[in-house]
Amino acid sequence: MRRKCDRHAAAAMFEIAVDNYRRRLDNSARWQCRNHAAAIETPGMKQQMPNNHEKINYVELPARNIVTTKAFFESCFGWTFADYGPEYAAFDGAGLDGGFFQSELVASTSSGSALVVFYSERLEETLQKIVRWGGVITKPVFTFPGGRRFHFSEPSGNEFAVWSDK
């Protein structure tokens, strides 16, 4: 049996990966915003995680200004976004997929909202990056059983936390 050169072997592996990826997509993934009745067909939309029965699958958060919120998370954390009209942007690259919807409301623990918590291996570096890209530290670093954490709000006012066990 003749061995392919590295360039052709890599191309063949890429074709196999693309073919496997296409098979995982369910006929051009169907996405439906929970705030709007119309489903949106998105050919080539990637599925990040399998759907697991009765497990958290997606999170939606309010955003006073979707443009500045997207810019913050793209710059600070490397998230990617797909816009579905001017009032909704889906994100991925966050560990759990989700979206931001246009709203004057904010997610804050003081108003009873759930708290979305990031993990960081380098807590102080993450804090500095958040401030550099326009986040506001609302609770400075403090210790808790299991590690340290701080809270911040992003430009639209939503509260998040970052923790570390280091």
Protein backbone atom coordinates (compact mmCIF):
# COMPACT_ATOMS: atom_id res chain seq x y z
CA MET A 1 0.00 0.00 0.00
CA ARG A 2 1.33 3.38 -1.01
CA ARG A 3 1.60 6.09 1.67
CA LYS A 4 0.29 9.57 0.82
CA CYS A 5 2.59 12.53 1.24
CA ASP A 6 1.98 14.60 4.37
CA ARG A 7 0.19 17.34 2.42
CA HIS A 8 -2.28 14.92 0.85
CA ALA A 9 -2.71 12.95 4.07
CA ALA A 10 -3.59 16.18 5.91
CA ALA A 11 -6.06 17.12 3.16
CA ALA A 12 -7.69 13.70 3.40
CA MET A 13 -7.99 14.01 7.20
CA PHE A 14 -9.51 17.46 6.79
CA GLU A 15 -12.09 16.11 4.34
CA ILE A 16 -12.99 13.34 6.79
CA ALA A 17 -13.38 15.87 9.61
CA VAL A 18 -15.56 18.13 7.45
CA ASP A 19 -17.71 15.18 6.41
CA ASN A 20 -18.15 14.08 10.04
CA TYR A 21 -19.00 17.65 11.03
CA ARG A 22 -21.64 17.91 8.31
CA ARG A 23 -23.22 14.66 9.46
CA ARG A 24 -23.57 16.04 12.99
CA LEU A 25 -25.52 19.01 11.73
CA ASP A 26 -29.14 18.29 11.59
CA ASN A 27 -30.02 19.29 8.01
CA SER A 28 -28.97 22.92 8.41
CA ALA A 29 -29.53 23.48 12.09
CA ARG A 30 -32.78 25.03 13.14
CA TRP A 31 -32.54 27.74 15.71
CA GLN A 32 -35.45 29.44 17.42
CA CYS A 33 -35.12 32.47 19.59
CA ARG A 34 -37.13 31.92 22.75
CA ASN A 35 -38.45 35.50 22.50
CA HIS A 36 -39.72 35.29 18.94
CA ALA A 37 -42.10 32.85 17.33
CA ALA A 38 -40.31 32.47 13.99
CA ALA A 39 -37.63 29.86 13.64
CA ILE A 40 -34.56 30.92 11.72
CA GLU A 41 -32.91 28.53 9.29
CA THR A 42 -29.15 28.75 9.59
CA PRO A 43 -27.30 26.58 7.07
CA GLY A 44 -23.91 25.63 8.41
CA MET A 45 -24.63 26.74 11.97
CA LYS A 46 -22.44 24.65 14.20
CA GLN A 47 -23.75 22.64 17.09
CA GLN A 48 -21.43 23.14 20.04
CA MET A 49 -22.72 20.47 22.38
CA PRO A 50 -25.10 17.57 22.08
CA ASN A 51 -28.54 18.14 23.49
CA ASN A 52 -28.71 16.31 26.81
CA HIS A 53 -32.11 15.49 28.25
CA GLU A 54 -33.06 17.78 31.14
CA LYS A 55 -29.64 19.47 31.30
CA ILE A 56 -28.96 23.20 30.97
CA ASN A 57 -28.50 23.82 27.27
CA TYR A 58 -28.60 27.56 26.59
CA VAL A 59 -28.72 30.81 28.54
CA GLU A 60 -30.27 34.11 27.50
CA LEU A 61 -29.36 37.43 29.07
CA PRO A 62 -30.67 40.98 28.69
CA ALA A 63 -28.55 43.71 27.10
CA ARG A 64 -29.26 47.42 27.14
CA ASN A 65 -26.84 47.87 24.26
CA ILE A 66 -26.16 44.71 22.27
CA VAL A 67 -23.37 46.33 20.23
CA THR A 68 -21.27 47.33 23.26
CA THR A 69 -22.03 44.07 25.06
CA LYS A 70 -20.84 42.07 22.04
CA ALA A 71 -17.69 44.20 21.74
CA PHE A 72 -16.89 43.65 25.43
CA PHE A 73 -17.22 39.84 25.32
CA GLU A 74 -15.45 39.53 21.94
CA SER A 75 -12.50 41.61 23.14
CA CYS A 76 -12.28 40.37 26.70
CA PHE A 77 -13.10 36.67 26.35
CA GLY A 78 -12.91 35.88 22.63
CA TRP A 79 -16.59 34.99 22.25
CA THR A 80 -18.10 34.90 18.78
CA PHE A 81 -21.57 36.16 17.88
CA ALA A 82 -24.25 35.58 15.29
CA ASP A 83 -26.81 38.36 14.92
CA TYR A 84 -30.48 37.49 14.46
CA GLY A 85 -31.88 40.91 13.77
CA PRO A 86 -31.08 44.09 15.70
CA GLU A 87 -32.51 42.82 19.00
CA TYR A 88 -30.81 39.43 19.42
CA ALA A 89 -27.26 38.09 19.22
CA ALA A 90 -26.34 34.47 19.94
CA PHE A 91 -22.90 33.72 21.38
CA ASP A 92 -20.60 30.76 21.50
CA GLY A 93 -17.11 30.17 22.82
CA ALA A 94 -18.27 30.85 26.38
CA GLY A 95 -18.41 27.27 27.67
CA LEU A 96 -22.21 27.32 27.34
CA ASP A 97 -23.95 28.79 24.31
CA GLY A 98 -26.48 31.53 24.73
CA GLY A 99 -27.65 34.89 23.56
CA PHE A 100 -28.31 38.51 24.45
CA PHE A 101 -31.71 40.07 23.84
CA GLN A 102 -32.46 43.79 23.75
CA SER A 103 -33.87 44.93 27.10
CA GLU A 104 -33.62 47.75 29.60
CA LEU A 105 -33.49 45.12 32.36
CA VAL A 106 -30.22 43.78 33.79
CA ALA A 107 -29.25 40.48 35.37
CA SER A 108 -28.18 41.28 38.92
CA THR A 109 -28.16 39.26 42.12
CA SER A 110 -29.59 42.27 43.97
CA SER A 111 -32.78 41.87 41.93
CA GLY A 112 -32.89 38.09 42.36
CA SER A 113 -31.18 37.07 39.13
CA ALA A 114 -29.04 33.96 38.81
CA LEU A 115 -25.30 34.66 38.81
CA VAL A 116 -23.24 33.44 35.86
CA VAL A 117 -19.74 32.57 37.11
CA PHE A 118 -16.59 32.25 34.99
CA TYR A 119 -13.53 30.23 36.01
CA SER A 120 -10.02 31.69 35.69
CA GLU A 121 -6.62 30.14 36.25
CA ARG A 122 -5.19 33.67 36.70
CA LEU A 123 -7.76 35.69 38.62
CA GLU A 124 -5.87 39.01 38.80
CA GLU A 125 -5.06 38.95 35.05
CA THR A 126 -8.72 38.32 34.24
CA LEU A 127 -9.77 41.19 36.54
CA GLN A 128 -7.35 43.57 34.78
CA LYS A 129 -8.59 42.47 31.37
CA ILE A 130 -12.22 43.05 32.37
CA VAL A 131 -11.43 46.59 33.56
CA ARG A 132 -9.35 47.30 30.43
CA TRP A 133 -12.30 46.41 28.16
CA GLY A 134 -14.89 48.46 30.05
CA GLY A 135 -16.16 46.18 32.81
CA VAL A 136 -16.74 47.55 36.30
CA ILE A 137 -15.64 45.62 39.39
CA THR A 138 -18.66 45.54 41.71
CA LYS A 139 -17.15 43.29 44.42
CA PRO A 140 -13.37 43.16 44.74
CA VAL A 141 -11.56 39.84 45.11
CA PHE A 142 -12.63 37.97 48.23
CA THR A 143 -12.11 34.47 49.58
CA PHE A 144 -14.80 31.86 49.94
CA PRO A 145 -14.66 28.14 50.76
CA GLY A 146 -13.00 26.67 47.70
CA GLY A 147 -11.15 29.69 46.36
CA ARG A 148 -11.33 33.38 45.56
CA ARG A 149 -13.63 35.41 43.36
CA PHE A 150 -14.80 38.85 42.33
CA HIS A 151 -17.95 40.25 40.73
CA PHE A 152 -18.18 42.63 37.78
CA SER A 153 -20.73 44.21 35.50
CA GLU A 154 -20.31 44.40 31.75
CA PRO A 155 -21.21 47.56 29.76
CA SER A 156 -24.95 46.74 29.67
CA GLY A 157 -25.00 46.37 33.47
CA ASN A 158 -25.32 42.57 33.82
CA GLU A 159 -23.54 41.14 36.86
CA PHE A 160 -21.11 38.23 36.50
CA ALA A 161 -18.49 36.69 38.77
CA VAL A 162 -15.09 35.11 38.20
CA TRP A 163 -13.62 32.52 40.56
CA SER A 164 -10.37 30.64 40.89
CA ASP A 165 -9.07 27.82 43.02
CA LYS A 166 -5.51 29.07 42.55
